[in-house]
Amino acid sequence: MVEVTKLLNEALKETDKLNDGEIFLVKDLFKGYFWNRISRRNRLLLGIFFLDHIQKTNGNIKPIEKTSSNQQRYQMTINTKNKQASS
């Protein structure tokens, strides 16, 4: 469980690098070889935790639709007013 929490924190940090309107999967937040090294069980848990986290925080990331392989897609929606105020 500790490993999945670390992975969640890494994924959330990577979302800071996304542009407004960008659509992504959780696996896109990791390098391919690193993602492949994560056990299937932990990848599934990570997906559940990521979705739960963004739904609870109600931030700039919104779940949109699922892919044909049942992976959740997300979209970064940066509010430009908030971004300008924090600059």
N, C-alpha and C. Protein backbone atom coordinates (compact mmCIF):
# COMPACT_ATOMS: atom_id res chain seq x y z
N MET A 1 0.83 -1.20 0.00
CA MET A 1 0.00 0.00 0.00
C MET A 1 0.87 1.26 0.00
N VAL A 2 1.99 1.21 0.69
CA VAL A 2 2.90 2.35 0.72
C VAL A 2 3.40 2.66 -0.68
N GLU A 3 3.69 1.62 -1.46
CA GLU A 3 4.17 1.83 -2.83
C GLU A 3 3.12 2.55 -3.67
N VAL A 4 1.87 2.18 -3.52
CA VAL A 4 0.80 2.80 -4.30
C VAL A 4 0.64 4.26 -3.90
N THR A 5 0.78 4.56 -2.63
CA THR A 5 0.70 5.95 -2.17
C THR A 5 1.82 6.78 -2.77
N LYS A 6 3.03 6.22 -2.84
CA LYS A 6 4.16 6.91 -3.47
C LYS A 6 3.88 7.14 -4.95
N LEU A 7 3.34 6.14 -5.62
CA LEU A 7 3.01 6.26 -7.04
C LEU A 7 1.95 7.33 -7.26
N LEU A 8 0.97 7.39 -6.37
CA LEU A 8 -0.08 8.41 -6.48
C LEU A 8 0.54 9.80 -6.36
N ASN A 9 1.42 9.98 -5.40
CA ASN A 9 2.07 11.28 -5.22
C ASN A 9 2.90 11.66 -6.45
N GLU A 10 3.61 10.69 -7.03
CA GLU A 10 4.39 10.95 -8.25
C GLU A 10 3.47 11.35 -9.40
N ALA A 11 2.36 10.64 -9.55
CA ALA A 11 1.42 10.94 -10.63
C ALA A 11 0.84 12.34 -10.47
N LEU A 12 0.49 12.70 -9.24
CA LEU A 12 -0.08 14.03 -9.00
C LEU A 12 0.95 15.12 -9.29
N LYS A 13 2.22 14.88 -8.97
CA LYS A 13 3.27 15.86 -9.29
C LYS A 13 3.39 16.05 -10.80
N GLU A 14 3.29 14.96 -11.53
CA GLU A 14 3.42 15.02 -13.00
C GLU A 14 2.28 15.81 -13.63
N THR A 15 1.13 15.85 -13.00
CA THR A 15 0.01 16.59 -13.58
C THR A 15 0.29 18.09 -13.63
N ASP A 16 1.23 18.57 -12.82
CA ASP A 16 1.61 19.99 -12.86
C ASP A 16 2.24 20.37 -14.20
N LYS A 17 2.71 19.39 -14.94
CA LYS A 17 3.38 19.63 -16.22
C LYS A 17 2.41 19.64 -17.40
N LEU A 18 1.15 19.35 -17.14
CA LEU A 18 0.16 19.26 -18.22
C LEU A 18 -0.36 20.64 -18.61
N ASN A 19 -0.73 20.76 -19.87
CA ASN A 19 -1.30 22.00 -20.40
C ASN A 19 -2.82 21.96 -20.31
N ASP A 20 -3.42 23.13 -20.37
CA ASP A 20 -4.87 23.24 -20.34
C ASP A 20 -5.48 22.46 -21.51
N GLY A 21 -6.49 21.68 -21.22
CA GLY A 21 -7.19 20.92 -22.25
C GLY A 21 -6.56 19.58 -22.58
N GLU A 22 -5.40 19.30 -22.02
CA GLU A 22 -4.70 18.05 -22.35
C GLU A 22 -5.46 16.86 -21.78
N ILE A 23 -5.60 15.83 -22.60
CA ILE A 23 -6.28 14.59 -22.21
C ILE A 23 -5.23 13.53 -21.97
N PHE A 24 -5.39 12.76 -20.89
CA PHE A 24 -4.37 11.78 -20.53
C PHE A 24 -4.95 10.61 -19.76
N LEU A 25 -4.17 9.55 -19.70
CA LEU A 25 -4.43 8.39 -18.86
C LEU A 25 -3.41 8.43 -17.72
N VAL A 26 -3.70 7.77 -16.63
CA VAL A 26 -2.74 7.74 -15.51
C VAL A 26 -1.40 7.18 -15.98
N LYS A 27 -1.43 6.17 -16.83
CA LYS A 27 -0.18 5.56 -17.29
C LYS A 27 0.68 6.54 -18.09
N ASP A 28 0.07 7.57 -18.69
CA ASP A 28 0.82 8.58 -19.44
C ASP A 28 1.70 9.44 -18.52
N LEU A 29 1.43 9.41 -17.23
CA LEU A 29 2.18 10.21 -16.28
C LEU A 29 3.49 9.55 -15.87
N PHE A 30 3.74 8.35 -16.37
CA PHE A 30 4.96 7.60 -16.06
C PHE A 30 5.67 7.21 -17.35
N LYS A 31 6.97 7.06 -17.28
CA LYS A 31 7.72 6.55 -18.43
C LYS A 31 7.28 5.12 -18.68
N GLY A 32 7.25 4.73 -19.94
CA GLY A 32 6.75 3.41 -20.32
C GLY A 32 7.41 2.26 -19.60
N TYR A 33 8.73 2.29 -19.52
CA TYR A 33 9.43 1.17 -18.86
C TYR A 33 9.11 1.14 -17.37
N PHE A 34 8.92 2.31 -16.75
CA PHE A 34 8.60 2.33 -15.32
C PHE A 34 7.19 1.80 -15.09
N TRP A 35 6.24 2.24 -15.93
CA TRP A 35 4.85 1.77 -15.82
C TRP A 35 4.80 0.25 -15.94
N ASN A 36 5.56 -0.31 -16.86
CA ASN A 36 5.55 -1.76 -17.07
C ASN A 36 6.12 -2.53 -15.88
N ARG A 37 6.92 -1.88 -15.07
CA ARG A 37 7.51 -2.53 -13.88
C ARG A 37 6.56 -2.54 -12.69
N ILE A 38 5.51 -1.75 -12.76
CA ILE A 38 4.53 -1.72 -11.67
C ILE A 38 3.63 -2.94 -11.83
N SER A 39 3.39 -3.65 -10.74
CA SER A 39 2.54 -4.84 -10.83
C SER A 39 1.13 -4.45 -11.25
N ARG A 40 0.45 -5.37 -11.89
CA ARG A 40 -0.91 -5.12 -12.37
C ARG A 40 -1.81 -4.71 -11.21
N ARG A 41 -1.66 -5.38 -10.10
CA ARG A 41 -2.46 -5.08 -8.90
C ARG A 41 -2.26 -3.62 -8.47
N ASN A 42 -1.01 -3.19 -8.42
CA ASN A 42 -0.72 -1.82 -8.00
C ASN A 42 -1.17 -0.79 -9.03
N ARG A 43 -1.11 -1.15 -10.32
CA ARG A 43 -1.61 -0.23 -11.34
C ARG A 43 -3.12 -0.03 -11.18
N LEU A 44 -3.82 -1.11 -10.91
CA LEU A 44 -5.28 -1.02 -10.70
C LEU A 44 -5.60 -0.17 -9.47
N LEU A 45 -4.87 -0.42 -8.38
CA LEU A 45 -5.07 0.37 -7.16
C LEU A 45 -4.76 1.84 -7.40
N LEU A 46 -3.69 2.10 -8.13
CA LEU A 46 -3.30 3.47 -8.44
C LEU A 46 -4.42 4.18 -9.20
N GLY A 47 -5.00 3.50 -10.17
CA GLY A 47 -6.11 4.08 -10.93
C GLY A 47 -7.30 4.41 -10.05
N ILE A 48 -7.61 3.54 -9.12
CA ILE A 48 -8.72 3.76 -8.20
C ILE A 48 -8.42 4.94 -7.28
N PHE A 49 -7.22 4.97 -6.71
CA PHE A 49 -6.82 6.05 -5.81
C PHE A 49 -6.76 7.39 -6.53
N PHE A 50 -6.26 7.40 -7.77
CA PHE A 50 -6.14 8.64 -8.54
C PHE A 50 -7.54 9.22 -8.79
N LEU A 51 -8.45 8.39 -9.26
CA LEU A 51 -9.82 8.85 -9.52
C LEU A 51 -10.46 9.36 -8.23
N ASP A 52 -10.31 8.62 -7.15
CA ASP A 52 -10.87 9.02 -5.86
C ASP A 52 -10.30 10.37 -5.42
N HIS A 53 -9.00 10.54 -5.58
CA HIS A 53 -8.35 11.78 -5.16
C HIS A 53 -8.87 12.98 -5.95
N ILE A 54 -8.96 12.85 -7.26
CA ILE A 54 -9.39 14.02 -8.04
C ILE A 54 -10.87 14.32 -7.83
N GLN A 55 -11.67 13.31 -7.53
CA GLN A 55 -13.08 13.57 -7.26
C GLN A 55 -13.26 14.27 -5.91
N LYS A 56 -12.42 13.93 -4.95
CA LYS A 56 -12.52 14.55 -3.62
C LYS A 56 -11.97 15.97 -3.62
N THR A 57 -10.92 16.23 -4.38
CA THR A 57 -10.31 17.55 -4.37
C THR A 57 -11.02 18.53 -5.27
N ASN A 58 -11.75 18.04 -6.26
CA ASN A 58 -12.50 18.90 -7.18
C ASN A 58 -11.59 20.00 -7.76
N GLY A 59 -10.43 19.60 -8.24
CA GLY A 59 -9.44 20.54 -8.77
C GLY A 59 -9.52 20.71 -10.27
N ASN A 60 -8.36 20.83 -10.90
CA ASN A 60 -8.27 21.11 -12.34
C ASN A 60 -8.34 19.87 -13.22
N ILE A 61 -8.39 18.70 -12.65
CA ILE A 61 -8.43 17.47 -13.44
C ILE A 61 -9.84 16.90 -13.36
N LYS A 62 -10.39 16.61 -14.52
CA LYS A 62 -11.75 16.07 -14.60
C LYS A 62 -11.73 14.72 -15.31
N PRO A 63 -12.43 13.72 -14.75
CA PRO A 63 -12.58 12.46 -15.48
C PRO A 63 -13.52 12.70 -16.65
N ILE A 64 -13.19 12.15 -17.81
CA ILE A 64 -14.09 12.34 -18.95
C ILE A 64 -14.74 11.01 -19.34
N GLU A 65 -14.09 10.20 -20.15
CA GLU A 65 -14.69 8.93 -20.54
C GLU A 65 -13.69 7.81 -20.36
N LYS A 66 -14.17 6.60 -20.53
CA LYS A 66 -13.28 5.44 -20.47
C LYS A 66 -12.93 5.01 -21.89
N THR A 67 -11.73 4.43 -22.03
CA THR A 67 -11.31 3.92 -23.34
C THR A 67 -11.98 2.58 -23.59
N SER A 68 -11.78 2.03 -24.76
CA SER A 68 -12.34 0.72 -25.09
C SER A 68 -11.74 -0.37 -24.22
N SER A 69 -10.55 -0.11 -23.66
CA SER A 69 -9.93 -1.09 -22.76
C SER A 69 -10.23 -0.76 -21.29
N ASN A 70 -11.27 0.05 -21.06
CA ASN A 70 -11.77 0.38 -19.73
C ASN A 70 -10.80 1.21 -18.88
N GLN A 71 -9.93 1.99 -19.52
CA GLN A 71 -9.04 2.89 -18.79
C GLN A 71 -9.70 4.27 -18.72
N GLN A 72 -9.65 4.88 -17.55
CA GLN A 72 -10.26 6.19 -17.36
C GLN A 72 -9.42 7.27 -18.01
N ARG A 73 -10.06 8.12 -18.81
CA ARG A 73 -9.39 9.28 -19.40
C ARG A 73 -9.70 10.49 -18.54
N TYR A 74 -8.73 11.39 -18.50
CA TYR A 74 -8.87 12.62 -17.72
C TYR A 74 -8.52 13.81 -18.61
N GLN A 75 -9.00 14.98 -18.21
CA GLN A 75 -8.66 16.20 -18.92
C GLN A 75 -8.24 17.26 -17.91
N MET A 76 -7.12 17.91 -18.22
CA MET A 76 -6.65 19.03 -17.41
C MET A 76 -7.44 20.26 -17.83
N THR A 77 -8.07 20.90 -16.89
CA THR A 77 -8.86 22.11 -17.17
C THR A 77 -8.37 23.21 -16.25
N ILE A 78 -7.37 23.93 -16.70
CA ILE A 78 -6.79 24.99 -15.89
C ILE A 78 -7.65 26.22 -15.99
N ASN A 79 -8.07 26.72 -14.86
CA ASN A 79 -8.85 27.94 -14.81
C ASN A 79 -7.87 29.10 -14.94
N THR A 80 -7.91 29.82 -16.05
CA THR A 80 -6.93 30.88 -16.31
C THR A 80 -7.03 32.02 -15.30
N LYS A 81 -8.19 32.27 -14.74
CA LYS A 81 -8.32 33.33 -13.73
C LYS A 81 -7.52 32.96 -12.48
N ASN A 82 -7.65 31.70 -12.03
CA ASN A 82 -6.91 31.25 -10.86
C ASN A 82 -5.41 31.23 -11.12
N LYS A 83 -5.05 30.84 -12.34
CA LYS A 83 -3.63 30.76 -12.69
C LYS A 83 -3.00 32.16 -12.70
N GLN A 84 -3.72 33.15 -13.23
CA GLN A 84 -3.20 34.52 -13.27
C GLN A 84 -3.13 35.11 -11.87
N ALA A 85 -4.06 34.79 -11.01
CA ALA A 85 -4.08 35.31 -9.66
C ALA A 85 -2.91 34.78 -8.83
N SER A 86 -2.50 33.53 -9.12
CA SER A 86 -1.40 32.94 -8.35
C SER A 86 -0.05 33.35 -8.88
N SER A 87 0.01 33.96 -10.07
CA SER A 87 1.29 34.39 -10.65
C SER A 87 1.81 35.66 -10.06
